[in-house]
Protein backbone atom coordinates (compact mmCIF):
# COMPACT_ATOMS: atom_id res chain seq x y z
CA MET A 1 172.86 95.52 74.60
CA ARG A 2 174.71 98.64 75.65
CA SER A 3 176.74 100.89 73.38
CA ILE A 4 180.15 102.34 74.22
CA ASN A 5 181.06 105.97 73.49
CA ALA A 6 184.65 107.13 73.94
CA THR A 7 185.32 110.84 74.49
CA LEU A 8 188.90 112.02 74.11
CA SER A 9 190.68 115.32 73.73
CA ILE A 10 193.32 114.99 71.06
CA THR A 11 195.92 117.18 69.36
CA LEU A 12 196.38 117.41 65.59
CA ASP A 13 199.27 114.96 65.88
CA GLY A 14 197.16 112.48 67.82
CA VAL A 15 198.41 113.08 71.39
CA VAL A 16 195.90 112.31 74.16
CA GLN A 17 198.27 112.48 77.15
CA GLY A 18 198.09 115.00 79.96
CA LEU A 19 195.28 117.28 78.83
CA GLY A 20 194.31 118.70 82.20
CA ARG A 21 197.30 119.46 84.42
CA ALA A 22 201.08 119.68 84.22
CA ASP A 23 201.42 116.73 86.63
CA GLU A 24 198.50 114.69 85.27
CA ASP A 25 200.55 112.16 83.30
CA THR A 26 204.31 112.54 83.05
CA ARG A 27 205.01 108.99 81.87
CA GLY A 28 207.81 108.77 79.32
CA GLY A 29 209.14 112.17 80.40
CA PHE A 30 206.08 114.00 79.02
CA THR A 31 206.47 117.72 79.80
CA HIS A 32 203.48 119.23 77.99
CA GLY A 33 200.80 118.43 80.59
CA GLY A 34 197.94 120.87 80.87
CA TRP A 35 197.83 121.65 77.15
CA GLY A 36 194.03 121.65 76.94
CA GLY A 37 192.96 124.21 79.52
CA LYS A 38 193.40 127.34 77.44
CA TYR A 39 190.98 125.93 74.84
CA ASN A 40 187.97 125.63 77.15
CA ASP A 41 185.06 127.89 76.33
CA GLU A 42 181.28 128.11 76.63
CA VAL A 43 180.70 126.12 73.43
CA MET A 44 182.79 123.22 74.73
CA GLY A 45 181.03 123.34 78.09
CA ARG A 46 177.64 123.26 76.41
CA GLU A 47 178.59 120.36 74.13
CA MET A 48 180.01 118.30 76.99
CA GLY A 49 176.90 119.11 79.03
CA LYS A 50 174.75 117.47 76.36
CA GLY A 51 176.49 114.18 77.04
CA MET A 52 175.86 114.51 80.77
CA ALA A 53 172.15 115.10 80.16
CA LYS A 54 171.68 111.58 78.78
CA PRO A 55 171.36 108.66 81.19
CA GLY A 56 174.41 106.47 81.13
CA ASP A 57 177.13 104.76 83.08
CA MET A 58 180.86 105.40 82.92
CA LEU A 59 183.74 103.10 82.10
CA PHE A 60 187.34 103.78 83.10
CA GLY A 61 190.77 102.27 82.95
CA ARG A 62 192.48 102.06 86.33
CA ARG A 63 194.87 104.96 85.84
CA THR A 64 192.24 107.47 84.69
CA TRP A 65 189.80 106.33 87.39
CA GLN A 66 192.45 106.91 90.08
CA ASP A 67 193.32 110.32 88.64
CA PHE A 68 189.66 111.35 88.49
CA ILE A 69 189.22 110.42 92.16
CA THR A 70 191.56 113.27 93.12
CA ALA A 71 189.48 115.75 91.14
CA TRP A 72 185.91 114.66 91.86
CA ALA A 73 185.45 112.05 94.58
CA GLY A 74 183.70 113.72 97.47
CA ALA A 75 183.88 117.20 95.92
CA THR A 76 180.91 119.46 96.64
CA ASP A 77 181.75 122.49 94.52
CA GLY A 78 178.29 122.82 92.93
CA ASN A 79 179.71 122.20 89.46
CA PRO A 80 177.21 120.13 87.44
CA PHE A 81 180.05 118.03 86.01
CA THR A 82 181.21 117.17 89.55
CA THR A 83 177.67 116.22 90.53
CA HIS A 84 177.33 114.05 87.42
CA MET A 85 180.69 112.31 87.97
CA ASN A 86 179.95 111.45 91.59
CA ALA A 87 176.39 110.26 90.94
CA ALA A 88 177.13 108.15 87.85
CA LYS A 89 177.61 104.41 88.08
CA LYS A 90 181.29 103.86 87.33
CA TYR A 91 182.98 100.68 86.14
CA VAL A 92 186.76 100.45 86.41
CA ALA A 93 188.64 97.84 84.38
CA SER A 94 191.76 96.72 86.22
CA ARG A 95 193.99 93.70 86.68
CA THR A 96 195.71 95.26 89.71
CA LEU A 97 193.08 96.93 91.93
CA ASP A 98 191.67 94.98 94.86
CA SER A 99 188.53 97.08 95.14
CA ALA A 100 186.80 100.15 93.74
CA ASP A 101 185.65 101.49 97.10
CA ALA A 102 187.70 104.69 96.83
CA TRP A 103 185.00 106.43 94.74
CA GLN A 104 181.29 106.14 95.33
CA ASN A 105 179.16 104.17 92.85
CA SER A 106 182.22 102.39 91.44
CA THR A 107 182.37 98.71 90.49
CA LEU A 108 185.58 96.83 89.81
CA LEU A 109 185.81 94.83 86.58
CA SER A 110 188.61 92.38 87.34
CA GLY A 111 190.55 90.41 84.77
CA GLU A 112 191.12 91.12 81.10
CA ALA A 113 189.38 94.35 80.09
CA VAL A 114 188.19 93.20 76.67
CA GLU A 115 186.46 90.13 78.11
CA THR A 116 184.88 91.86 81.11
CA VAL A 117 183.74 94.89 79.11
CA ALA A 118 182.34 92.68 76.32
CA GLY A 119 180.26 90.89 78.97
CA LEU A 120 179.12 94.19 80.46
CA LYS A 121 178.23 95.56 77.03
CA ALA A 122 176.22 92.46 76.11
CA GLY A 123 174.07 92.76 79.22
CA PRO A 124 171.21 95.08 80.05
CA GLY A 125 171.73 98.59 81.34
CA ASN A 126 172.63 102.11 80.38
CA ASP A 127 175.06 102.93 77.61
CA LEU A 128 178.70 103.29 78.68
CA SER A 129 180.84 106.41 78.30
CA ILE A 130 184.62 106.47 78.48
CA ILE A 131 186.44 109.73 79.16
CA GLY A 132 190.15 109.49 78.44
CA SER A 133 191.52 106.02 79.31
CA ALA A 134 193.39 105.79 76.01
CA SER A 135 194.88 102.34 76.68
CA LEU A 136 191.45 100.93 77.44
CA VAL A 137 189.98 102.62 74.36
CA ARG A 138 192.72 101.13 72.14
CA ASP A 139 192.04 97.63 73.46
CA LEU A 140 188.27 97.97 73.11
CA HIS A 141 188.59 99.48 69.64
CA ALA A 142 190.78 96.57 68.50
CA ALA A 143 188.07 94.18 69.75
CA GLY A 144 185.33 96.08 67.89
CA LEU A 145 183.61 97.22 71.07
CA VAL A 146 183.67 101.02 70.62
CA ASP A 147 180.48 102.21 68.91
CA ARG A 148 180.98 105.98 68.95
CA TYR A 149 183.76 108.50 69.38
CA THR A 150 183.52 112.09 70.48
CA LEU A 151 186.85 113.67 69.63
CA LEU A 152 187.76 117.15 70.81
CA ILE A 153 190.38 117.97 68.19
CA HIS A 154 192.62 120.74 69.51
CA PRO A 155 194.46 123.05 67.10
CA LEU A 156 198.02 122.30 68.21
CA THR A 157 200.76 119.71 67.83
CA LEU A 158 202.98 118.56 70.69
CA GLY A 159 205.46 116.28 68.93
CA THR A 160 205.67 113.88 71.88
CA GLY A 161 203.27 112.03 74.11
CA THR A 162 200.95 109.07 74.07
CA ARG A 163 198.83 108.96 70.95
CA LEU A 164 195.32 107.60 70.65
CA PHE A 165 196.52 104.85 68.35
CA GLU A 166 200.11 103.74 68.85
CA GLY A 167 200.84 101.70 65.75
CA PRO A 168 198.21 100.37 63.38
CA ALA A 169 194.58 100.21 64.39
CA PRO A 170 192.27 97.66 62.79
CA LEU A 171 190.31 98.86 59.79
CA THR A 172 187.08 100.32 61.12
CA GLU A 173 184.93 102.89 59.34
CA PHE A 174 182.96 105.61 61.06
CA ASP A 175 180.39 108.14 59.92
CA LEU A 176 180.63 111.75 61.06
CA THR A 177 177.22 112.30 62.67
CA SER A 178 177.73 115.88 63.85
CA SER A 179 180.39 118.44 64.64
CA VAL A 180 180.76 121.87 66.12
CA THR A 181 183.71 124.25 66.27
CA THR A 182 184.36 126.18 69.47
CA THR A 183 185.34 129.83 69.63
CA LYS A 184 188.93 128.70 70.30
CA GLY A 185 189.20 126.44 67.27
CA VAL A 186 188.53 123.04 68.84
CA ILE A 187 186.49 120.80 66.58
CA ILE A 188 184.15 118.56 68.53
CA ALA A 189 183.42 115.69 66.17
CA HIS A 190 180.98 112.86 66.81
CA TYR A 191 181.58 109.62 64.91
CA THR A 192 179.46 106.44 64.82
CA ARG A 193 180.81 103.08 63.71
CA ARG A 194 179.30 101.83 60.45
């Protein structure tokens, strides 16, 4: 059986929308896109690199997968993260895509995400990592399928934007297994479900 680890950058008020670029995700009139860039530092790079060093496959929701294609598919910039993203086996959960051919090593998981991911998790293979994909994470969390969280807690509030948990989340307890604080005040916290 595989485990599922979700990695999300989050603000103190729980916002997970539009971390990377101003135009990344403007749904709902969100105008704070790109809020995360000024918090990157060597500590964060090193911590995220540890996750890439472990063998594993990736799991995406459709929207994040399509956004990541623009950043990494076919890129040859020599960045180890780019190399990792392009080489990794990627699963994309979608009810609307016809294929996952737009990005190498991608496989389409058609139908209801909770059912298809539960089947994937129950089978043999590498552990699964989710980066972003908040809607998918919410659905999988509600179904008890998320085993670990890596939260990059940024020291700011935005007041608006999509939050990791919109409304109540089911009671689930986690243990803090490790944490590190970056030079720019981001707490990288690793939690494992009890």
